[in-house]
């Protein structure tokens, strides 16, 4: 599984589960948000990644 901003590159290197990140300069956060809102965004991203890990797949999948 790979959390990344450039999903096309993840596909080209063969990652099987791809979770789009939030943005290129800050893939796992957003400093323009308040601390509480950023925490919420990060939690959503982690939940999506956990869902990706527990979802059966048969080919490359972008979640």
PDB file of N, CA and C in Angstrom:
ATOM      1  N   UNK A   1       0.843  -1.171   0.000  1.00  0.00           N
ATOM      2  CA  UNK A   1       0.000   0.000   0.000  1.00  0.00           C
ATOM      3  C   UNK A   1       0.889   1.235   0.000  1.00  0.00           C
ATOM      4  N   UNK A   2       0.416   2.258  -0.686  1.00  0.00           N
ATOM      5  CA  UNK A   2       1.191   3.486  -0.803  1.00  0.00           C
ATOM      6  C   UNK A   2       0.256   4.684  -0.679  1.00  0.00           C
ATOM      7  N   UNK A   3       0.610   5.602   0.205  1.00  0.00           N
ATOM      8  CA  UNK A   3      -0.090   6.887   0.295  1.00  0.00           C
ATOM      9  C   UNK A   3       0.778   7.878  -0.479  1.00  0.00           C
ATOM     10  N   UNK A   4       0.220   8.469  -1.531  1.00  0.00           N
ATOM     11  CA  UNK A   4       1.035   9.362  -2.359  1.00  0.00           C
ATOM     12  C   UNK A   4       0.164  10.396  -3.063  1.00  0.00           C
ATOM     13  N   UNK A   5       0.811  11.450  -3.526  1.00  0.00           N
ATOM     14  CA  UNK A   5       0.087  12.502  -4.235  1.00  0.00           C
ATOM     15  C   UNK A   5       0.034  12.249  -5.738  1.00  0.00           C
ATOM     16  N   UNK A   6       1.003  11.543  -6.268  1.00  0.00           N
ATOM     17  CA  UNK A   6       1.051  11.269  -7.703  1.00  0.00           C
ATOM     18  C   UNK A   6       0.684   9.805  -7.933  1.00  0.00           C
ATOM     19  N   UNK A   7      -0.606   9.554  -8.061  1.00  0.00           N
ATOM     20  CA  UNK A   7      -1.080   8.182  -8.176  1.00  0.00           C
ATOM     21  C   UNK A   7      -0.589   7.500  -9.448  1.00  0.00           C
ATOM     22  N   UNK A   8      -0.352   8.260 -10.507  1.00  0.00           N
ATOM     23  CA  UNK A   8       0.136   7.649 -11.752  1.00  0.00           C
ATOM     24  C   UNK A   8       1.519   7.031 -11.558  1.00  0.00           C
ATOM     25  N   UNK A   9       2.354   7.655 -10.745  1.00  0.00           N
ATOM     26  CA  UNK A   9       3.677   7.095 -10.468  1.00  0.00           C
ATOM     27  C   UNK A   9       3.535   5.836  -9.623  1.00  0.00           C
ATOM     28  N   UNK A  10       2.640   5.857  -8.644  1.00  0.00           N
ATOM     29  CA  UNK A  10       2.403   4.672  -7.823  1.00  0.00           C
ATOM     30  C   UNK A  10       1.941   3.503  -8.686  1.00  0.00           C
ATOM     31  N   UNK A  11       1.097   3.787  -9.660  1.00  0.00           N
ATOM     32  CA  UNK A  11       0.631   2.738 -10.568  1.00  0.00           C
ATOM     33  C   UNK A  11       1.786   2.200 -11.407  1.00  0.00           C
ATOM     34  N   UNK A  12       2.634   3.094 -11.883  1.00  0.00           N
ATOM     35  CA  UNK A  12       3.732   2.666 -12.764  1.00  0.00           C
ATOM     36  C   UNK A  12       4.772   1.819 -12.036  1.00  0.00           C
ATOM     37  N   UNK A  13       4.918   2.005 -10.715  1.00  0.00           N
ATOM     38  CA  UNK A  13       5.886   1.192  -9.972  1.00  0.00           C
ATOM     39  C   UNK A  13       5.247  -0.074  -9.399  1.00  0.00           C
ATOM     40  N   UNK A  14       3.940  -0.238  -9.623  1.00  0.00           N
ATOM     41  CA  UNK A  14       3.287  -1.490  -9.253  1.00  0.00           C
ATOM     42  C   UNK A  14       2.673  -1.551  -7.867  1.00  0.00           C
ATOM     43  N   UNK A  15       2.443  -0.421  -7.233  1.00  0.00           N
ATOM     44  CA  UNK A  15       1.772  -0.448  -5.927  1.00  0.00           C
ATOM     45  C   UNK A  15       0.382  -1.044  -6.094  1.00  0.00           C
ATOM     46  N   UNK A  16       0.014  -1.960  -5.205  1.00  0.00           N
ATOM     47  CA  UNK A  16      -1.271  -2.619  -5.380  1.00  0.00           C
ATOM     48  C   UNK A  16      -2.438  -1.835  -4.787  1.00  0.00           C
ATOM     49  N   UNK A  17      -2.225  -1.173  -3.682  1.00  0.00           N
ATOM     50  CA  UNK A  17      -3.256  -0.344  -3.052  1.00  0.00           C
ATOM     51  C   UNK A  17      -2.713   1.075  -2.982  1.00  0.00           C
ATOM     52  N   UNK A  18      -3.438   2.015  -3.558  1.00  0.00           N
ATOM     53  CA  UNK A  18      -2.961   3.395  -3.639  1.00  0.00           C
ATOM     54  C   UNK A  18      -3.990   4.300  -2.974  1.00  0.00           C
ATOM     55  N   UNK A  19      -3.523   5.076  -2.005  1.00  0.00           N
ATOM     56  CA  UNK A  19      -4.386   6.032  -1.321  1.00  0.00           C
ATOM     57  C   UNK A  19      -3.873   7.430  -1.663  1.00  0.00           C
ATOM     58  N   UNK A  20      -4.687   8.246  -2.343  1.00  0.00           N
ATOM     59  CA  UNK A  20      -4.253   9.599  -2.684  1.00  0.00           C
ATOM     60  C   UNK A  20      -4.007  10.446  -1.425  1.00  0.00           C
ATOM     61  N   UNK A  21      -2.875  11.129  -1.410  1.00  0.00           N
ATOM     62  CA  UNK A  21      -2.528  12.007  -0.292  1.00  0.00           C
ATOM     63  C   UNK A  21      -3.220  13.355  -0.459  1.00  0.00           C
ATOM     64  N   UNK A  22      -3.008  14.232   0.511  1.00  0.00           N
ATOM     65  CA  UNK A  22      -3.710  15.513   0.537  1.00  0.00           C
ATOM     66  C   UNK A  22      -3.138  16.543  -0.424  1.00  0.00           C
ATOM     67  N   UNK A  23      -1.831  16.577  -0.628  1.00  0.00           N
ATOM     68  CA  UNK A  23      -1.234  17.560  -1.524  1.00  0.00           C
ATOM     69  C   UNK A  23       0.262  17.356  -1.644  1.00  0.00           C
ATOM     70  N   UNK A  24       0.847  17.900  -2.686  1.00  0.00           N
ATOM     71  CA  UNK A  24       2.271  17.673  -2.941  1.00  0.00           C
ATOM     72  C   UNK A  24       3.164  18.265  -1.846  1.00  0.00           C
ATOM     73  N   UNK A  25       3.020  19.516  -1.461  1.00  0.00           N
ATOM     74  CA  UNK A  25       3.947  20.025  -0.451  1.00  0.00           C
ATOM     75  C   UNK A  25       3.712  19.438   0.946  1.00  0.00           C
ATOM     76  N   UNK A  26       2.487  19.022   1.234  1.00  0.00           N
ATOM     77  CA  UNK A  26       2.151  18.478   2.555  1.00  0.00           C
ATOM     78  C   UNK A  26       1.230  17.272   2.361  1.00  0.00           C
ATOM     79  N   UNK A  27       1.786  16.109   2.000  1.00  0.00           N
ATOM     80  CA  UNK A  27       0.942  14.962   1.657  1.00  0.00           C
ATOM     81  C   UNK A  27       0.106  14.424   2.811  1.00  0.00           C
ATOM     82  N   UNK A  28       0.558  14.607   4.032  1.00  0.00           N
ATOM     83  CA  UNK A  28      -0.169  14.033   5.162  1.00  0.00           C
ATOM     84  C   UNK A  28      -0.731  15.086   6.110  1.00  0.00           C
ATOM     85  N   UNK A  29      -0.887  16.292   5.628  1.00  0.00           N
ATOM     86  CA  UNK A  29      -1.437  17.348   6.465  1.00  0.00           C
ATOM     87  C   UNK A  29      -1.684  18.603   5.657  1.00  0.00           C
ATOM     88  N   UNK A  30      -2.236  19.606   6.306  1.00  0.00           N
ATOM     89  CA  UNK A  30      -2.518  20.886   5.658  1.00  0.00           C
ATOM     90  C   UNK A  30      -2.297  21.987   6.689  1.00  0.00           C
ATOM     91  N   UNK A  31      -1.129  22.649   6.644  1.00  0.00           N
ATOM     92  CA  UNK A  31      -0.811  23.651   7.656  1.00  0.00           C
ATOM     93  C   UNK A  31      -1.727  24.878   7.629  1.00  0.00           C
ATOM     94  N   UNK A  32      -2.528  25.033   6.581  1.00  0.00           N
ATOM     95  CA  UNK A  32      -3.428  26.179   6.535  1.00  0.00           C
ATOM     96  C   UNK A  32      -4.689  25.949   7.376  1.00  0.00           C
ATOM     97  N   UNK A  33      -4.909  24.720   7.818  1.00  0.00           N
ATOM     98  CA  UNK A  33      -6.081  24.402   8.642  1.00  0.00           C
ATOM     99  C   UNK A  33      -5.776  24.623  10.118  1.00  0.00           C
ATOM    100  N   UNK A  34      -6.819  24.759  10.887  1.00  0.00           N
ATOM    101  CA  UNK A  34      -6.630  24.829  12.343  1.00  0.00           C
ATOM    102  C   UNK A  34      -6.144  23.462  12.820  1.00  0.00           C
ATOM    103  N   UNK A  35      -5.587  23.409  13.998  1.00  0.00           N
ATOM    104  CA  UNK A  35      -5.051  22.152  14.528  1.00  0.00           C
ATOM    105  C   UNK A  35      -6.128  21.067  14.570  1.00  0.00           C
ATOM    106  N   UNK A  36      -7.307  21.422  14.988  1.00  0.00           N
ATOM    107  CA  UNK A  36      -8.402  20.464  15.070  1.00  0.00           C
ATOM    108  C   UNK A  36      -8.836  19.948  13.709  1.00  0.00           C
ATOM    109  N   UNK A  37      -8.932  20.861  12.736  1.00  0.00           N
ATOM    110  CA  UNK A  37      -9.337  20.458  11.386  1.00  0.00           C
ATOM    111  C   UNK A  37      -8.259  19.606  10.709  1.00  0.00           C
ATOM    112  N   UNK A  38      -6.998  19.955  10.955  1.00  0.00           N
ATOM    113  CA  UNK A  38      -5.913  19.167  10.372  1.00  0.00           C
ATOM    114  C   UNK A  38      -5.912  17.757  10.971  1.00  0.00           C
ATOM    115  N   UNK A  39      -6.140  17.665  12.245  1.00  0.00           N
ATOM    116  CA  UNK A  39      -6.209  16.353  12.910  1.00  0.00           C
ATOM    117  C   UNK A  39      -7.339  15.517  12.301  1.00  0.00           C
ATOM    118  N   UNK A  40      -8.468  16.160  12.033  1.00  0.00           N
ATOM    119  CA  UNK A  40      -9.610  15.475  11.426  1.00  0.00           C
ATOM    120  C   UNK A  40      -9.251  14.956  10.035  1.00  0.00           C
ATOM    121  N   UNK A  41      -8.581  15.788   9.232  1.00  0.00           N
ATOM    122  CA  UNK A  41      -8.149  15.387   7.887  1.00  0.00           C
ATOM    123  C   UNK A  41      -7.189  14.199   7.949  1.00  0.00           C
ATOM    124  N   UNK A  42      -6.232  14.262   8.871  1.00  0.00           N
ATOM    125  CA  UNK A  42      -5.263  13.176   9.012  1.00  0.00           C
ATOM    126  C   UNK A  42      -5.956  11.880   9.440  1.00  0.00           C
ATOM    127  N   UNK A  43      -6.906  11.999  10.331  1.00  0.00           N
ATOM    128  CA  UNK A  43      -7.658  10.826  10.792  1.00  0.00           C
ATOM    129  C   UNK A  43      -8.415  10.185   9.621  1.00  0.00           C
ATOM    130  N   UNK A  44      -9.028  11.012   8.779  1.00  0.00           N
ATOM    131  CA  UNK A  44      -9.744  10.494   7.613  1.00  0.00           C
ATOM    132  C   UNK A  44      -8.795   9.760   6.670  1.00  0.00           C
ATOM    133  N   UNK A  45      -7.598  10.303   6.486  1.00  0.00           N
ATOM    134  CA  UNK A  45      -6.612   9.677   5.609  1.00  0.00           C
ATOM    135  C   UNK A  45      -6.164   8.320   6.174  1.00  0.00           C
ATOM    136  N   UNK A  46      -5.920   8.258   7.461  1.00  0.00           N
ATOM    137  CA  UNK A  46      -5.521   6.997   8.088  1.00  0.00           C
ATOM    138  C   UNK A  46      -6.652   5.977   8.004  1.00  0.00           C
ATOM    139  N   UNK A  47      -7.885   6.418   8.218  1.00  0.00           N
ATOM    140  CA  UNK A  47      -9.017   5.506   8.109  1.00  0.00           C
ATOM    141  C   UNK A  47      -9.149   4.958   6.689  1.00  0.00           C
ATOM    142  N   UNK A  48      -8.925   5.808   5.701  1.00  0.00           N
ATOM    143  CA  UNK A  48      -8.981   5.359   4.308  1.00  0.00           C
ATOM    144  C   UNK A  48      -7.868   4.343   4.038  1.00  0.00           C
ATOM    145  N   UNK A  49      -6.680   4.581   4.586  1.00  0.00           N
ATOM    146  CA  UNK A  49      -5.561   3.655   4.404  1.00  0.00           C
ATOM    147  C   UNK A  49      -5.857   2.310   5.069  1.00  0.00           C
ATOM    148  N   UNK A  50      -6.443   2.340   6.248  1.00  0.00           N
ATOM    149  CA  UNK A  50      -6.804   1.092   6.920  1.00  0.00           C
ATOM    150  C   UNK A  50      -7.871   0.331   6.134  1.00  0.00           C
ATOM    151  N   UNK A  51      -8.810   1.060   5.568  1.00  0.00           N
ATOM    152  CA  UNK A  51      -9.830   0.437   4.727  1.00  0.00           C
ATOM    153  C   UNK A  51      -9.160  -0.222   3.516  1.00  0.00           C
ATOM    154  N   UNK A  52      -8.181   0.460   2.935  1.00  0.00           N
ATOM    155  CA  UNK A  52      -7.473  -0.095   1.781  1.00  0.00           C
ATOM    156  C   UNK A  52      -6.760  -1.395   2.141  1.00  0.00           C
ATOM    157  N   UNK A  53      -6.173  -1.438   3.330  1.00  0.00           N
ATOM    158  CA  UNK A  53      -5.455  -2.641   3.755  1.00  0.00           C
ATOM    159  C   UNK A  53      -6.388  -3.823   4.004  1.00  0.00           C
ATOM    160  N   UNK A  54      -7.613  -3.556   4.392  1.00  0.00           N
ATOM    161  CA  UNK A  54      -8.540  -4.639   4.735  1.00  0.00           C
ATOM    162  C   UNK A  54      -9.490  -5.002   3.602  1.00  0.00           C
ATOM    163  N   UNK A  55      -9.403  -4.309   2.475  1.00  0.00           N
ATOM    164  CA  UNK A  55     -10.268  -4.583   1.337  1.00  0.00           C
ATOM    165  C   UNK A  55      -9.596  -5.588   0.401  1.00  0.00           C
ATOM    166  N   UNK A  56     -10.254  -6.706   0.128  1.00  0.00           N
ATOM    167  CA  UNK A  56      -9.683  -7.661  -0.835  1.00  0.00           C
ATOM    168  C   UNK A  56      -9.665  -7.051  -2.242  1.00  0.00           C
ATOM    169  N   UNK A  57      -8.542  -7.199  -2.929  1.00  0.00           N
ATOM    170  CA  UNK A  57      -8.428  -6.675  -4.293  1.00  0.00           C
ATOM    171  C   UNK A  57      -7.799  -7.741  -5.182  1.00  0.00           C
ATOM    172  N   UNK A  58      -8.005  -7.623  -6.481  1.00  0.00           N
ATOM    173  CA  UNK A  58      -7.378  -8.554  -7.419  1.00  0.00           C
ATOM    174  C   UNK A  58      -6.483  -7.827  -8.426  1.00  0.00           C
ATOM    175  N   UNK A  59      -6.499  -6.501  -8.379  1.00  0.00           N
ATOM    176  CA  UNK A  59      -5.654  -5.693  -9.264  1.00  0.00           C
ATOM    177  C   UNK A  59      -5.370  -4.362  -8.580  1.00  0.00           C
ATOM    178  N   UNK A  60      -4.501  -3.560  -9.177  1.00  0.00           N
ATOM    179  CA  UNK A  60      -4.193  -2.245  -8.598  1.00  0.00           C
ATOM    180  C   UNK A  60      -5.485  -1.477  -8.361  1.00  0.00           C
ATOM    181  N   UNK A  61      -5.574  -0.860  -7.187  1.00  0.00           N
ATOM    182  CA  UNK A  61      -6.777  -0.131  -6.828  1.00  0.00           C
ATOM    183  C   UNK A  61      -6.421   1.202  -6.202  1.00  0.00           C
ATOM    184  N   UNK A  62      -7.095   2.262  -6.653  1.00  0.00           N
ATOM    185  CA  UNK A  62      -6.954   3.574  -6.037  1.00  0.00           C
ATOM    186  C   UNK A  62      -8.189   3.789  -5.168  1.00  0.00           C
ATOM    187  N   UNK A  63      -7.961   4.068  -3.906  1.00  0.00           N
ATOM    188  CA  UNK A  63      -9.062   4.229  -2.958  1.00  0.00           C
ATOM    189  C   UNK A  63      -9.479   5.661  -2.783  1.00  0.00           C
TER     190      UNK A  63
END
